[in-house]
Amino acid sequence: MEFRENEAIYIQIATFVGENILLRKWLPEEKIPSVRELAVDLQVNPNTVMRSYEFLQTKEVIMNKRGIGFFVTQDAVQKLKEYRKDRFLGQELPEFFRNLYLLDISMEEIEKRYASFISENNQPTQS
């Protein structure tokens, strides 16, 4: 995993875990990699992974079954979508709009490219 400098590593790891859940690689009520396993896989300090897991626990995305490990919560997908949507609309979208304005990119161009992205990735549109 390549880490970006402009965001805390524990948040990037939480995003990675969240994407695995949203992509249905890790299903509700399924055990996720242990702190040590994920730390080794991502080549980071276990304390950083633990901080990510604690963050996701506060968002009710994962839960700790003492002595067994961490598991995806039943409504993790919904919680992740709510959190990521709020974050996107509050932080990323204003920057996106600023770039559209500064670069004089039309909404038609964005629509065309989004349709192409959906087509190329064979993803159904969601309403």
N, C-alpha and C. Protein backbone atom coordinates (compact mmCIF):
# COMPACT_ATOMS: atom_id res chain seq x y z
N MET A 1 0.85 -1.18 0.00
CA MET A 1 0.00 0.00 0.00
C MET A 1 0.89 1.23 0.00
N GLU A 2 0.59 2.15 -0.91
CA GLU A 2 1.33 3.41 -0.98
C GLU A 2 0.60 4.46 -0.15
N PHE A 3 1.28 5.02 0.84
CA PHE A 3 0.66 6.01 1.70
C PHE A 3 0.91 7.42 1.18
N ARG A 4 -0.13 8.26 1.29
CA ARG A 4 -0.03 9.66 0.89
C ARG A 4 0.44 10.49 2.08
N GLU A 5 1.18 11.53 1.80
CA GLU A 5 1.72 12.37 2.86
C GLU A 5 0.70 13.33 3.46
N ASN A 6 -0.38 13.62 2.73
CA ASN A 6 -1.32 14.65 3.17
C ASN A 6 -2.43 14.13 4.09
N GLU A 7 -2.35 12.86 4.52
CA GLU A 7 -3.38 12.29 5.37
C GLU A 7 -2.74 11.31 6.34
N ALA A 8 -3.24 11.29 7.57
CA ALA A 8 -2.70 10.40 8.60
C ALA A 8 -2.77 8.94 8.13
N ILE A 9 -1.73 8.18 8.42
CA ILE A 9 -1.66 6.79 7.98
C ILE A 9 -2.81 5.97 8.55
N TYR A 10 -3.17 6.21 9.81
CA TYR A 10 -4.25 5.41 10.40
C TYR A 10 -5.57 5.64 9.67
N ILE A 11 -5.79 6.85 9.16
CA ILE A 11 -7.01 7.13 8.39
C ILE A 11 -6.95 6.41 7.05
N GLN A 12 -5.78 6.39 6.43
CA GLN A 12 -5.62 5.69 5.15
C GLN A 12 -5.84 4.18 5.33
N ILE A 13 -5.39 3.64 6.45
CA ILE A 13 -5.61 2.22 6.72
C ILE A 13 -7.09 1.97 6.98
N ALA A 14 -7.75 2.87 7.71
CA ALA A 14 -9.19 2.75 7.94
C ALA A 14 -9.94 2.80 6.61
N THR A 15 -9.50 3.63 5.70
CA THR A 15 -10.10 3.71 4.37
C THR A 15 -9.91 2.39 3.62
N PHE A 16 -8.72 1.81 3.72
CA PHE A 16 -8.43 0.52 3.10
C PHE A 16 -9.36 -0.57 3.64
N VAL A 17 -9.51 -0.62 4.95
CA VAL A 17 -10.41 -1.60 5.57
C VAL A 17 -11.83 -1.34 5.09
N GLY A 18 -12.24 -0.07 5.08
CA GLY A 18 -13.58 0.28 4.63
C GLY A 18 -13.84 -0.12 3.19
N GLU A 19 -12.86 0.05 2.33
CA GLU A 19 -13.04 -0.35 0.93
C GLU A 19 -13.20 -1.85 0.79
N ASN A 20 -12.47 -2.61 1.60
CA ASN A 20 -12.64 -4.07 1.57
C ASN A 20 -14.06 -4.46 2.00
N ILE A 21 -14.62 -3.71 2.91
CA ILE A 21 -15.99 -3.98 3.36
C ILE A 21 -16.98 -3.54 2.28
N LEU A 22 -16.80 -2.34 1.72
CA LEU A 22 -17.71 -1.85 0.69
C LEU A 22 -17.66 -2.71 -0.57
N LEU A 23 -16.50 -3.27 -0.88
CA LEU A 23 -16.36 -4.13 -2.05
C LEU A 23 -16.80 -5.57 -1.75
N ARG A 24 -17.27 -5.78 -0.55
CA ARG A 24 -17.78 -7.08 -0.09
C ARG A 24 -16.71 -8.16 -0.05
N LYS A 25 -15.46 -7.74 0.10
CA LYS A 25 -14.38 -8.72 0.31
C LYS A 25 -14.43 -9.23 1.75
N TRP A 26 -14.84 -8.34 2.66
CA TRP A 26 -15.03 -8.70 4.06
C TRP A 26 -16.50 -8.47 4.37
N LEU A 27 -17.21 -9.52 4.70
CA LEU A 27 -18.66 -9.48 4.84
C LEU A 27 -19.10 -9.22 6.28
N PRO A 28 -20.35 -8.74 6.46
CA PRO A 28 -20.88 -8.53 7.82
C PRO A 28 -20.75 -9.79 8.67
N GLU A 29 -20.34 -9.56 9.90
CA GLU A 29 -20.16 -10.60 10.91
C GLU A 29 -18.97 -11.51 10.63
N GLU A 30 -18.17 -11.16 9.62
CA GLU A 30 -16.97 -11.93 9.28
C GLU A 30 -15.77 -11.36 10.02
N LYS A 31 -14.86 -12.24 10.42
CA LYS A 31 -13.64 -11.82 11.10
C LYS A 31 -12.72 -11.14 10.08
N ILE A 32 -12.09 -10.05 10.48
CA ILE A 32 -11.14 -9.35 9.63
C ILE A 32 -9.72 -9.69 10.11
N PRO A 33 -8.71 -9.34 9.32
CA PRO A 33 -7.34 -9.65 9.76
C PRO A 33 -7.03 -9.05 11.13
N SER A 34 -6.23 -9.78 11.89
CA SER A 34 -5.82 -9.28 13.21
C SER A 34 -4.96 -8.03 13.02
N VAL A 35 -4.76 -7.32 14.11
CA VAL A 35 -3.92 -6.13 14.09
C VAL A 35 -2.53 -6.50 13.57
N ARG A 36 -1.97 -7.58 14.10
CA ARG A 36 -0.63 -8.00 13.68
C ARG A 36 -0.59 -8.40 12.21
N GLU A 37 -1.58 -9.17 11.76
CA GLU A 37 -1.62 -9.61 10.36
C GLU A 37 -1.65 -8.43 9.41
N LEU A 38 -2.54 -7.47 9.70
CA LEU A 38 -2.67 -6.32 8.81
C LEU A 38 -1.41 -5.45 8.86
N ALA A 39 -0.83 -5.32 10.06
CA ALA A 39 0.40 -4.53 10.19
C ALA A 39 1.52 -5.13 9.35
N VAL A 40 1.63 -6.44 9.36
CA VAL A 40 2.66 -7.11 8.55
C VAL A 40 2.35 -6.93 7.06
N ASP A 41 1.09 -7.14 6.68
CA ASP A 41 0.71 -7.00 5.27
C ASP A 41 0.98 -5.59 4.75
N LEU A 42 0.69 -4.58 5.57
CA LEU A 42 0.84 -3.19 5.13
C LEU A 42 2.20 -2.60 5.49
N GLN A 43 3.01 -3.37 6.21
CA GLN A 43 4.34 -2.94 6.64
C GLN A 43 4.28 -1.66 7.46
N VAL A 44 3.41 -1.69 8.49
CA VAL A 44 3.29 -0.56 9.41
C VAL A 44 3.37 -1.08 10.84
N ASN A 45 3.48 -0.16 11.77
CA ASN A 45 3.50 -0.50 13.18
C ASN A 45 2.13 -1.00 13.62
N PRO A 46 2.06 -2.08 14.40
CA PRO A 46 0.76 -2.58 14.88
C PRO A 46 -0.06 -1.52 15.63
N ASN A 47 0.61 -0.59 16.30
CA ASN A 47 -0.11 0.48 17.00
C ASN A 47 -0.90 1.35 16.03
N THR A 48 -0.38 1.53 14.83
CA THR A 48 -1.08 2.32 13.81
C THR A 48 -2.33 1.59 13.35
N VAL A 49 -2.23 0.29 13.13
CA VAL A 49 -3.41 -0.51 12.75
C VAL A 49 -4.42 -0.49 13.90
N MET A 50 -3.94 -0.61 15.13
CA MET A 50 -4.85 -0.58 16.27
C MET A 50 -5.60 0.75 16.32
N ARG A 51 -4.91 1.82 16.05
CA ARG A 51 -5.57 3.14 16.02
C ARG A 51 -6.64 3.18 14.93
N SER A 52 -6.37 2.58 13.78
CA SER A 52 -7.36 2.49 12.69
C SER A 52 -8.57 1.69 13.14
N TYR A 53 -8.32 0.56 13.78
CA TYR A 53 -9.41 -0.30 14.24
C TYR A 53 -10.24 0.42 15.32
N GLU A 54 -9.58 1.15 16.19
CA GLU A 54 -10.31 1.92 17.21
C GLU A 54 -11.19 2.99 16.56
N PHE A 55 -10.65 3.64 15.55
CA PHE A 55 -11.41 4.64 14.80
C PHE A 55 -12.65 4.01 14.17
N LEU A 56 -12.46 2.85 13.53
CA LEU A 56 -13.59 2.16 12.90
C LEU A 56 -14.59 1.64 13.92
N GLN A 57 -14.12 1.30 15.11
CA GLN A 57 -15.05 0.90 16.17
C GLN A 57 -15.93 2.07 16.59
N THR A 58 -15.35 3.27 16.69
CA THR A 58 -16.15 4.44 17.07
C THR A 58 -17.20 4.76 16.02
N LYS A 59 -16.93 4.39 14.77
CA LYS A 59 -17.88 4.60 13.67
C LYS A 59 -18.86 3.42 13.56
N GLU A 60 -18.72 2.42 14.43
CA GLU A 60 -19.57 1.23 14.47
C GLU A 60 -19.50 0.42 13.18
N VAL A 61 -18.30 0.38 12.60
CA VAL A 61 -18.05 -0.37 11.37
C VAL A 61 -17.52 -1.76 11.71
N ILE A 62 -16.68 -1.83 12.72
CA ILE A 62 -16.18 -3.12 13.20
C ILE A 62 -16.42 -3.19 14.70
N MET A 63 -16.35 -4.42 15.21
CA MET A 63 -16.50 -4.62 16.66
C MET A 63 -15.46 -5.63 17.11
N ASN A 64 -15.07 -5.50 18.36
CA ASN A 64 -14.08 -6.38 18.94
C ASN A 64 -14.79 -7.43 19.78
N LYS A 65 -14.57 -8.68 19.44
CA LYS A 65 -15.05 -9.78 20.27
C LYS A 65 -13.84 -10.22 21.08
N ARG A 66 -13.85 -9.82 22.31
CA ARG A 66 -12.70 -10.01 23.19
C ARG A 66 -12.16 -11.44 23.13
N GLY A 67 -10.86 -11.52 22.87
CA GLY A 67 -10.19 -12.81 22.81
C GLY A 67 -10.34 -13.53 21.47
N ILE A 68 -11.20 -13.02 20.60
CA ILE A 68 -11.43 -13.68 19.31
C ILE A 68 -10.88 -12.83 18.16
N GLY A 69 -11.16 -11.53 18.22
CA GLY A 69 -10.68 -10.64 17.17
C GLY A 69 -11.71 -9.60 16.77
N PHE A 70 -11.45 -8.95 15.67
CA PHE A 70 -12.33 -7.90 15.16
C PHE A 70 -13.22 -8.46 14.05
N PHE A 71 -14.47 -8.01 14.05
CA PHE A 71 -15.46 -8.47 13.10
C PHE A 71 -16.17 -7.29 12.47
N VAL A 72 -16.64 -7.47 11.24
CA VAL A 72 -17.43 -6.47 10.54
C VAL A 72 -18.82 -6.45 11.18
N THR A 73 -19.34 -5.26 11.46
CA THR A 73 -20.68 -5.17 12.05
C THR A 73 -21.74 -5.44 10.98
N GLN A 74 -22.95 -5.74 11.43
CA GLN A 74 -24.04 -6.08 10.53
C GLN A 74 -24.36 -4.92 9.58
N ASP A 75 -24.32 -3.68 10.08
CA ASP A 75 -24.67 -2.53 9.25
C ASP A 75 -23.45 -1.70 8.86
N ALA A 76 -22.31 -2.35 8.72
CA ALA A 76 -21.05 -1.66 8.40
C ALA A 76 -21.12 -0.93 7.07
N VAL A 77 -21.72 -1.54 6.06
CA VAL A 77 -21.78 -0.90 4.73
C VAL A 77 -22.54 0.41 4.82
N GLN A 78 -23.67 0.40 5.49
CA GLN A 78 -24.48 1.61 5.65
C GLN A 78 -23.70 2.67 6.43
N LYS A 79 -23.06 2.29 7.52
CA LYS A 79 -22.28 3.24 8.34
C LYS A 79 -21.12 3.83 7.53
N LEU A 80 -20.44 2.99 6.77
CA LEU A 80 -19.33 3.47 5.95
C LEU A 80 -19.80 4.45 4.88
N LYS A 81 -20.89 4.10 4.22
CA LYS A 81 -21.41 4.99 3.18
C LYS A 81 -21.82 6.33 3.76
N GLU A 82 -22.45 6.34 4.92
CA GLU A 82 -22.84 7.59 5.57
C GLU A 82 -21.61 8.43 5.90
N TYR A 83 -20.62 7.80 6.52
CA TYR A 83 -19.40 8.51 6.91
C TYR A 83 -18.65 9.05 5.70
N ARG A 84 -18.45 8.18 4.70
CA ARG A 84 -17.68 8.60 3.52
C ARG A 84 -18.43 9.63 2.69
N LYS A 85 -19.74 9.51 2.63
CA LYS A 85 -20.53 10.50 1.91
C LYS A 85 -20.42 11.87 2.58
N ASP A 86 -20.56 11.91 3.91
CA ASP A 86 -20.42 13.18 4.65
C ASP A 86 -19.03 13.77 4.44
N ARG A 87 -18.02 12.93 4.51
CA ARG A 87 -16.65 13.40 4.34
C ARG A 87 -16.43 13.92 2.91
N PHE A 88 -16.92 13.18 1.93
CA PHE A 88 -16.77 13.59 0.53
C PHE A 88 -17.47 14.92 0.28
N LEU A 89 -18.72 15.02 0.71
CA LEU A 89 -19.49 16.24 0.46
C LEU A 89 -18.92 17.45 1.20
N GLY A 90 -18.36 17.22 2.38
CA GLY A 90 -17.83 18.32 3.18
C GLY A 90 -16.41 18.73 2.85
N GLN A 91 -15.58 17.77 2.41
CA GLN A 91 -14.16 18.06 2.21
C GLN A 91 -13.73 17.98 0.75
N GLU A 92 -14.08 16.91 0.08
CA GLU A 92 -13.55 16.67 -1.25
C GLU A 92 -14.35 17.38 -2.35
N LEU A 93 -15.65 17.41 -2.22
CA LEU A 93 -16.48 18.02 -3.25
C LEU A 93 -16.20 19.52 -3.43
N PRO A 94 -16.06 20.30 -2.35
CA PRO A 94 -15.73 21.71 -2.56
C PRO A 94 -14.43 21.91 -3.35
N GLU A 95 -13.43 21.08 -3.08
CA GLU A 95 -12.17 21.16 -3.83
C GLU A 95 -12.38 20.76 -5.30
N PHE A 96 -13.20 19.74 -5.51
CA PHE A 96 -13.54 19.29 -6.86
C PHE A 96 -14.22 20.42 -7.63
N PHE A 97 -15.22 21.07 -7.01
CA PHE A 97 -15.92 22.19 -7.66
C PHE A 97 -14.96 23.34 -7.97
N ARG A 98 -14.05 23.60 -7.05
CA ARG A 98 -13.07 24.67 -7.27
C ARG A 98 -12.24 24.36 -8.52
N ASN A 99 -11.80 23.12 -8.66
CA ASN A 99 -11.02 22.73 -9.83
C ASN A 99 -11.84 22.81 -11.10
N LEU A 100 -13.11 22.39 -11.04
CA LEU A 100 -13.98 22.52 -12.22
C LEU A 100 -14.05 23.98 -12.66
N TYR A 101 -14.24 24.86 -11.70
CA TYR A 101 -14.36 26.29 -11.99
C TYR A 101 -13.04 26.84 -12.56
N LEU A 102 -11.95 26.55 -11.87
CA LEU A 102 -10.65 27.09 -12.29
C LEU A 102 -10.21 26.56 -13.65
N LEU A 103 -10.55 25.33 -13.97
CA LEU A 103 -10.12 24.71 -15.22
C LEU A 103 -11.18 24.78 -16.31
N ASP A 104 -12.31 25.41 -15.97
CA ASP A 104 -13.40 25.59 -16.94
C ASP A 104 -13.86 24.25 -17.52
N ILE A 105 -14.15 23.32 -16.62
CA ILE A 105 -14.64 22.00 -17.03
C ILE A 105 -16.16 21.99 -16.86
N SER A 106 -16.86 21.60 -17.90
CA SER A 106 -18.33 21.62 -17.86
C SER A 106 -18.88 20.38 -17.16
N MET A 107 -20.12 20.49 -16.69
CA MET A 107 -20.80 19.35 -16.08
C MET A 107 -21.05 18.28 -17.13
N GLU A 108 -21.24 18.68 -18.39
CA GLU A 108 -21.43 17.71 -19.46
C GLU A 108 -20.19 16.82 -19.61
N GLU A 109 -19.02 17.43 -19.54
CA GLU A 109 -17.77 16.66 -19.62
C GLU A 109 -17.66 15.68 -18.44
N ILE A 110 -18.04 16.14 -17.26
CA ILE A 110 -18.00 15.28 -16.08
C ILE A 110 -18.98 14.12 -16.25
N GLU A 111 -20.19 14.42 -16.70
CA GLU A 111 -21.19 13.36 -16.91
C GLU A 111 -20.70 12.33 -17.91
N LYS A 112 -20.11 12.79 -19.00
CA LYS A 112 -19.60 11.89 -20.04
C LYS A 112 -18.51 10.99 -19.47
N ARG A 113 -17.59 11.58 -18.73
CA ARG A 113 -16.49 10.80 -18.18
C ARG A 113 -16.97 9.84 -17.08
N TYR A 114 -17.97 10.26 -16.31
CA TYR A 114 -18.52 9.38 -15.28
C TYR A 114 -19.21 8.18 -15.93
N ALA A 115 -19.98 8.41 -16.98
CA ALA A 115 -20.64 7.32 -17.70
C ALA A 115 -19.60 6.36 -18.27
N SER A 116 -18.51 6.90 -18.79
CA SER A 116 -17.43 6.07 -19.32
C SER A 116 -16.79 5.25 -18.20
N PHE A 117 -16.58 5.85 -17.06
CA PHE A 117 -16.01 5.14 -15.91
C PHE A 117 -16.91 3.97 -15.50
N ILE A 118 -18.20 4.23 -15.40
CA ILE A 118 -19.15 3.17 -15.02
C ILE A 118 -19.11 2.04 -16.04
N SER A 119 -19.11 2.40 -17.31
CA SER A 119 -19.07 1.42 -18.38
C SER A 119 -17.81 0.57 -18.35
N GLU A 120 -16.66 1.23 -18.19
CA GLU A 120 -15.38 0.53 -18.19
C GLU A 120 -15.21 -0.38 -16.97
N ASN A 121 -15.80 0.01 -15.87
CA ASN A 121 -15.67 -0.76 -14.65
C ASN A 121 -16.83 -1.71 -14.42
N ASN A 122 -17.76 -1.73 -15.40
CA ASN A 122 -18.90 -2.64 -15.34
C ASN A 122 -19.65 -2.55 -14.02
N GLN A 123 -19.85 -1.33 -13.55
CA GLN A 123 -20.53 -1.11 -12.29
C GLN A 123 -21.93 -0.59 -12.56
N PRO A 124 -22.92 -1.16 -11.90
CA PRO A 124 -24.27 -0.63 -12.08
C PRO A 124 -24.39 0.75 -11.43
N THR A 125 -25.15 1.63 -12.05
CA THR A 125 -25.37 2.94 -11.46
C THR A 125 -26.24 2.79 -10.23
N GLN A 126 -25.99 3.62 -9.24
CA GLN A 126 -26.76 3.58 -7.99
C GLN A 126 -27.49 4.89 -7.84
N SER A 127 -28.73 4.81 -7.39
CA SER A 127 -29.48 6.05 -7.18
C SER A 127 -29.54 6.42 -5.74
